[in-house]
Amino acid sequence: MGITRDPVVRLKDRIRRHGWGISVDETLSFVQPELAAFRALWQAKAESAGGLPRREDLDMRSLKPYLAHLSVAERVEASPGKFSYRLRLQGSFIAEVFGNNAGKLLDEVVAPELAERWTCVYDAMLEMEQPLRLQGTYKQEDMEHLIAESLAVPLGNGDRAPVSVLAATYYRSRYKGEL
């Protein structure tokens, strides 16, 4: 069996092999209504841009309902030949959950298995230049009760390959009610 060129198939295979506890849904079928609305906003901006919208195409006024739940990560060369993601923006809710890590590399702020997981997801999404719905759980003791649902979208980079991911993430308890 050969290696597939489809980044989502490769990503799903890697998730399964590593037992990462996340699912990837390219159909974008959301539980959280805010994520469906955010998807519609991104798609409208993509249509008006004639491709991937750039970060500056998504103004604060249009993003206001989602700001607390947004993050922006930019793919950077962390060391020669090794890439990571620098956290450029964290909404207040994300910062409350993970700490304020804006400006830091993903590898510096989360456990290595989480950094690998997020890097693989973001790399696949940038390669396919399409949004993805992600749902997952955490193995950390203080977060194991949470289910995260995210919409991660690539942002345009002019004539160059995209390097930035904009994500909106909402959490709910696996036991009862919404957070």
C-alpha atoms as a PDB file:
ATOM      1  CA  MET A   1       0.000   0.000   0.000  1.00  0.00           C
ATOM      2  CA  GLY A   2       1.479   3.351  -1.063  1.00  0.00           C
ATOM      3  CA  ILE A   3       1.572   6.588   0.856  1.00  0.00           C
ATOM      4  CA  THR A   4      -1.504   8.678   0.115  1.00  0.00           C
ATOM      5  CA  ARG A   5      -1.231  12.246  -1.075  1.00  0.00           C
ATOM      6  CA  ASP A   6      -4.421  13.268   0.732  1.00  0.00           C
ATOM      7  CA  PRO A   7      -3.356  15.228   3.845  1.00  0.00           C
ATOM      8  CA  VAL A   8      -6.578  14.417   5.735  1.00  0.00           C
ATOM      9  CA  VAL A   9      -6.232  10.672   5.146  1.00  0.00           C
ATOM     10  CA  ARG A  10      -2.596  10.838   6.302  1.00  0.00           C
ATOM     11  CA  LEU A  11      -3.605  12.899   9.361  1.00  0.00           C
ATOM     12  CA  LYS A  12      -6.431  10.526  10.327  1.00  0.00           C
ATOM     13  CA  ASP A  13      -4.073   7.564   9.970  1.00  0.00           C
ATOM     14  CA  ARG A  14      -1.506   9.255  12.216  1.00  0.00           C
ATOM     15  CA  ILE A  15      -4.176  10.114  14.807  1.00  0.00           C
ATOM     16  CA  ARG A  16      -5.292   6.482  14.832  1.00  0.00           C
ATOM     17  CA  ARG A  17      -1.718   5.109  15.103  1.00  0.00           C
ATOM     18  CA  HIS A  18      -0.809   7.464  17.985  1.00  0.00           C
ATOM     19  CA  GLY A  19      -4.153   7.242  19.810  1.00  0.00           C
ATOM     20  CA  TRP A  20      -4.314  11.014  20.140  1.00  0.00           C
ATOM     21  CA  GLY A  21      -7.947  11.235  21.257  1.00  0.00           C
ATOM     22  CA  ILE A  22      -9.039  13.684  18.580  1.00  0.00           C
ATOM     23  CA  SER A  23     -11.229  13.408  15.532  1.00  0.00           C
ATOM     24  CA  VAL A  24     -10.958  15.369  12.312  1.00  0.00           C
ATOM     25  CA  ASP A  25     -14.077  16.203  10.359  1.00  0.00           C
ATOM     26  CA  GLU A  26     -13.682  17.824   6.970  1.00  0.00           C
ATOM     27  CA  THR A  27     -17.504  17.944   6.564  1.00  0.00           C
ATOM     28  CA  LEU A  28     -17.571  20.724   9.201  1.00  0.00           C
ATOM     29  CA  SER A  29     -20.619  19.395  11.070  1.00  0.00           C
ATOM     30  CA  PHE A  30     -20.551  21.378  14.312  1.00  0.00           C
ATOM     31  CA  VAL A  31     -22.220  20.825  17.681  1.00  0.00           C
ATOM     32  CA  GLN A  32     -21.337  24.357  18.851  1.00  0.00           C
ATOM     33  CA  PRO A  33     -23.525  26.894  16.947  1.00  0.00           C
ATOM     34  CA  GLU A  34     -20.864  29.613  17.238  1.00  0.00           C
ATOM     35  CA  LEU A  35     -18.485  27.448  15.208  1.00  0.00           C
ATOM     36  CA  ALA A  36     -21.026  27.059  12.416  1.00  0.00           C
ATOM     37  CA  ALA A  37     -21.424  30.860  12.357  1.00  0.00           C
ATOM     38  CA  PHE A  38     -17.629  31.318  12.358  1.00  0.00           C
ATOM     39  CA  ARG A  39     -17.359  28.881   9.442  1.00  0.00           C
ATOM     40  CA  ALA A  40     -19.928  30.910   7.501  1.00  0.00           C
ATOM     41  CA  LEU A  41     -17.957  34.105   8.192  1.00  0.00           C
ATOM     42  CA  TRP A  42     -14.671  32.525   7.004  1.00  0.00           C
ATOM     43  CA  GLN A  43     -16.348  31.121   3.881  1.00  0.00           C
ATOM     44  CA  ALA A  44     -17.869  34.515   3.026  1.00  0.00           C
ATOM     45  CA  LYS A  45     -14.454  36.180   3.422  1.00  0.00           C
ATOM     46  CA  ALA A  46     -12.852  33.429   1.301  1.00  0.00           C
ATOM     47  CA  GLU A  47     -15.418  33.948  -1.447  1.00  0.00           C
ATOM     48  CA  SER A  48     -14.923  37.711  -1.481  1.00  0.00           C
ATOM     49  CA  ALA A  49     -11.108  37.269  -1.460  1.00  0.00           C
ATOM     50  CA  GLY A  50     -11.272  34.721  -4.276  1.00  0.00           C
ATOM     51  CA  GLY A  51      -9.191  32.309  -2.163  1.00  0.00           C
ATOM     52  CA  LEU A  52      -7.933  32.086   1.365  1.00  0.00           C
ATOM     53  CA  PRO A  53      -8.742  35.231   3.335  1.00  0.00           C
ATOM     54  CA  ARG A  54      -5.754  36.945   4.914  1.00  0.00           C
ATOM     55  CA  ARG A  55      -5.627  37.859   8.578  1.00  0.00           C
ATOM     56  CA  GLU A  56      -6.355  41.496   7.751  1.00  0.00           C
ATOM     57  CA  ASP A  57      -9.519  40.448   5.840  1.00  0.00           C
ATOM     58  CA  LEU A  58     -11.037  39.329   9.134  1.00  0.00           C
ATOM     59  CA  ASP A  59     -11.588  42.573  11.033  1.00  0.00           C
ATOM     60  CA  MET A  60     -12.239  42.857  14.756  1.00  0.00           C
ATOM     61  CA  ARG A  61     -15.854  43.871  14.233  1.00  0.00           C
ATOM     62  CA  SER A  62     -16.669  40.657  12.346  1.00  0.00           C
ATOM     63  CA  LEU A  63     -14.641  38.529  14.795  1.00  0.00           C
ATOM     64  CA  LYS A  64     -16.089  40.139  17.949  1.00  0.00           C
ATOM     65  CA  PRO A  65     -18.482  37.273  18.824  1.00  0.00           C
ATOM     66  CA  TYR A  66     -15.582  34.785  18.782  1.00  0.00           C
ATOM     67  CA  LEU A  67     -12.622  36.814  20.120  1.00  0.00           C
ATOM     68  CA  ALA A  68     -12.368  35.132  23.529  1.00  0.00           C
ATOM     69  CA  HIS A  69     -12.152  31.733  21.817  1.00  0.00           C
ATOM     70  CA  LEU A  70      -9.723  32.588  18.994  1.00  0.00           C
ATOM     71  CA  SER A  71      -6.086  31.782  18.530  1.00  0.00           C
ATOM     72  CA  VAL A  72      -3.664  32.426  15.691  1.00  0.00           C
ATOM     73  CA  ALA A  73      -0.633  30.210  15.196  1.00  0.00           C
ATOM     74  CA  GLU A  74       2.048  30.901  12.590  1.00  0.00           C
ATOM     75  CA  ARG A  75       4.342  28.192  11.167  1.00  0.00           C
ATOM     76  CA  VAL A  76       7.968  29.222  11.744  1.00  0.00           C
ATOM     77  CA  GLU A  77      11.362  27.607  11.467  1.00  0.00           C
ATOM     78  CA  ALA A  78      12.213  27.049  15.138  1.00  0.00           C
ATOM     79  CA  SER A  79      15.700  25.747  14.343  1.00  0.00           C
ATOM     80  CA  PRO A  80      17.363  24.792  11.050  1.00  0.00           C
ATOM     81  CA  GLY A  81      15.050  22.303   9.345  1.00  0.00           C
ATOM     82  CA  LYS A  82      12.644  22.074  12.316  1.00  0.00           C
ATOM     83  CA  PHE A  83       9.298  23.808  12.174  1.00  0.00           C
ATOM     84  CA  SER A  84       6.940  24.769  14.967  1.00  0.00           C
ATOM     85  CA  TYR A  85       4.050  27.168  15.472  1.00  0.00           C
ATOM     86  CA  ARG A  86       4.360  30.526  17.204  1.00  0.00           C
ATOM     87  CA  LEU A  87       1.225  31.567  19.050  1.00  0.00           C
ATOM     88  CA  ARG A  88       0.494  35.036  17.696  1.00  0.00           C
ATOM     89  CA  LEU A  89      -2.868  35.615  19.369  1.00  0.00           C
ATOM     90  CA  GLN A  90      -4.835  34.016  22.176  1.00  0.00           C
ATOM     91  CA  GLY A  91      -8.331  35.013  23.139  1.00  0.00           C
ATOM     92  CA  SER A  92      -9.081  35.573  26.816  1.00  0.00           C
ATOM     93  CA  PHE A  93     -10.869  32.250  27.283  1.00  0.00           C
ATOM     94  CA  ILE A  94      -8.022  30.311  25.619  1.00  0.00           C
ATOM     95  CA  ALA A  95      -5.490  32.192  27.750  1.00  0.00           C
ATOM     96  CA  GLU A  96      -7.508  31.349  30.873  1.00  0.00           C
ATOM     97  CA  VAL A  97      -7.449  27.632  30.016  1.00  0.00           C
ATOM     98  CA  PHE A  98      -3.825  27.360  28.826  1.00  0.00           C
ATOM     99  CA  GLY A  99      -2.183  30.491  30.235  1.00  0.00           C
ATOM    100  CA  ASN A 100      -1.167  33.562  28.259  1.00  0.00           C
ATOM    101  CA  ASN A 101       1.354  32.187  25.774  1.00  0.00           C
ATOM    102  CA  ALA A 102       1.150  34.731  22.960  1.00  0.00           C
ATOM    103  CA  GLY A 103       4.524  35.100  21.266  1.00  0.00           C
ATOM    104  CA  LYS A 104       5.784  31.699  22.403  1.00  0.00           C
ATOM    105  CA  LEU A 105       6.415  28.569  20.372  1.00  0.00           C
ATOM    106  CA  LEU A 106       3.914  25.767  20.760  1.00  0.00           C
ATOM    107  CA  ASP A 107       6.762  23.430  21.799  1.00  0.00           C
ATOM    108  CA  GLU A 108       7.524  25.776  24.720  1.00  0.00           C
ATOM    109  CA  VAL A 109       4.037  25.836  26.223  1.00  0.00           C
ATOM    110  CA  VAL A 110       2.469  22.386  25.878  1.00  0.00           C
ATOM    111  CA  ALA A 111       3.585  18.812  26.471  1.00  0.00           C
ATOM    112  CA  PRO A 112       5.549  17.296  23.557  1.00  0.00           C
ATOM    113  CA  GLU A 113       2.692  14.958  22.559  1.00  0.00           C
ATOM    114  CA  LEU A 114       0.269  17.902  22.363  1.00  0.00           C
ATOM    115  CA  ALA A 115       2.768  19.973  20.365  1.00  0.00           C
ATOM    116  CA  GLU A 116       3.213  17.069  17.929  1.00  0.00           C
ATOM    117  CA  ARG A 117      -0.550  16.566  17.669  1.00  0.00           C
ATOM    118  CA  TRP A 118      -1.320  20.227  16.972  1.00  0.00           C
ATOM    119  CA  THR A 119       1.626  20.607  14.600  1.00  0.00           C
ATOM    120  CA  CYS A 120       0.447  17.633  12.534  1.00  0.00           C
ATOM    121  CA  VAL A 121      -3.113  18.948  12.399  1.00  0.00           C
ATOM    122  CA  TYR A 122      -2.033  22.478  11.447  1.00  0.00           C
ATOM    123  CA  ASP A 123       0.456  21.213   8.842  1.00  0.00           C
ATOM    124  CA  ALA A 124      -2.223  19.060   7.183  1.00  0.00           C
ATOM    125  CA  MET A 125      -4.723  21.896   7.171  1.00  0.00           C
ATOM    126  CA  LEU A 126      -2.253  24.353   5.635  1.00  0.00           C
ATOM    127  CA  GLU A 127      -1.307  21.772   3.027  1.00  0.00           C
ATOM    128  CA  MET A 128      -4.901  21.171   1.979  1.00  0.00           C
ATOM    129  CA  GLU A 129      -5.816  24.885   2.330  1.00  0.00           C
ATOM    130  CA  GLN A 130      -9.227  23.993   3.731  1.00  0.00           C
ATOM    131  CA  PRO A 131     -10.837  24.373   7.149  1.00  0.00           C
ATOM    132  CA  LEU A 132     -11.167  21.426   9.533  1.00  0.00           C
ATOM    133  CA  ARG A 133     -13.427  20.631  12.442  1.00  0.00           C
ATOM    134  CA  LEU A 134     -11.550  19.105  15.343  1.00  0.00           C
ATOM    135  CA  GLN A 135     -12.943  17.494  18.445  1.00  0.00           C
ATOM    136  CA  GLY A 136     -10.831  16.090  21.207  1.00  0.00           C
ATOM    137  CA  THR A 137     -10.145  15.404  24.824  1.00  0.00           C
ATOM    138  CA  TYR A 138      -7.160  16.016  27.076  1.00  0.00           C
ATOM    139  CA  LYS A 139      -5.178  13.592  29.208  1.00  0.00           C
ATOM    140  CA  GLN A 140      -3.960  16.235  31.685  1.00  0.00           C
ATOM    141  CA  GLU A 141      -5.457  15.731  35.130  1.00  0.00           C
ATOM    142  CA  ASP A 142      -6.991  19.204  35.368  1.00  0.00           C
ATOM    143  CA  MET A 143      -8.520  19.046  31.855  1.00  0.00           C
ATOM    144  CA  GLU A 144      -9.633  15.434  31.399  1.00  0.00           C
ATOM    145  CA  HIS A 145     -13.289  16.381  31.891  1.00  0.00           C
ATOM    146  CA  LEU A 146     -13.254  18.704  28.851  1.00  0.00           C
ATOM    147  CA  ILE A 147     -14.240  18.084  25.255  1.00  0.00           C
ATOM    148  CA  ALA A 148     -12.881  20.673  22.856  1.00  0.00           C
ATOM    149  CA  GLU A 149     -14.533  21.451  19.543  1.00  0.00           C
ATOM    150  CA  SER A 150     -12.607  23.681  17.148  1.00  0.00           C
ATOM    151  CA  LEU A 151     -12.783  25.142  13.715  1.00  0.00           C
ATOM    152  CA  ALA A 152      -9.288  25.694  12.355  1.00  0.00           C
ATOM    153  CA  VAL A 153      -8.970  27.688   9.137  1.00  0.00           C
ATOM    154  CA  PRO A 154      -5.937  28.571   7.042  1.00  0.00           C
ATOM    155  CA  LEU A 155      -5.183  32.227   6.395  1.00  0.00           C
ATOM    156  CA  GLY A 156      -3.883  33.501   3.081  1.00  0.00           C
ATOM    157  CA  ASN A 157      -0.312  34.685   2.651  1.00  0.00           C
ATOM    158  CA  GLY A 158      -0.409  36.615  -0.617  1.00  0.00           C
ATOM    159  CA  ASP A 159       1.242  34.657  -3.419  1.00  0.00           C
ATOM    160  CA  ARG A 160       3.088  32.392  -0.979  1.00  0.00           C
ATOM    161  CA  ALA A 161       1.944  29.191   0.724  1.00  0.00           C
ATOM    162  CA  PRO A 162      -0.207  29.811   3.809  1.00  0.00           C
ATOM    163  CA  VAL A 163       1.598  29.729   7.170  1.00  0.00           C
ATOM    164  CA  SER A 164      -1.069  30.934   9.627  1.00  0.00           C
ATOM    165  CA  VAL A 165      -3.927  29.083  11.272  1.00  0.00           C
ATOM    166  CA  LEU A 166      -6.880  30.840  12.859  1.00  0.00           C
ATOM    167  CA  ALA A 167      -8.796  28.612  15.253  1.00  0.00           C
ATOM    168  CA  ALA A 168     -11.930  29.077  17.327  1.00  0.00           C
ATOM    169  CA  THR A 169     -12.208  26.593  20.187  1.00  0.00           C
ATOM    170  CA  TYR A 170     -15.114  25.994  22.529  1.00  0.00           C
ATOM    171  CA  TYR A 171     -15.144  23.593  25.470  1.00  0.00           C
ATOM    172  CA  ARG A 172     -17.885  21.616  27.112  1.00  0.00           C
ATOM    173  CA  SER A 173     -17.805  19.189  29.989  1.00  0.00           C
ATOM    174  CA  ARG A 174     -18.025  15.545  29.053  1.00  0.00           C
ATOM    175  CA  TYR A 175     -20.203  15.082  32.143  1.00  0.00           C
ATOM    176  CA  LYS A 176     -22.932  17.713  32.003  1.00  0.00           C
ATOM    177  CA  GLY A 177     -23.762  21.125  30.540  1.00  0.00           C
ATOM    178  CA  GLU A 178     -21.713  23.678  28.699  1.00  0.00           C
ATOM    179  CA  LEU A 179     -18.783  25.732  29.951  1.00  0.00           C
END
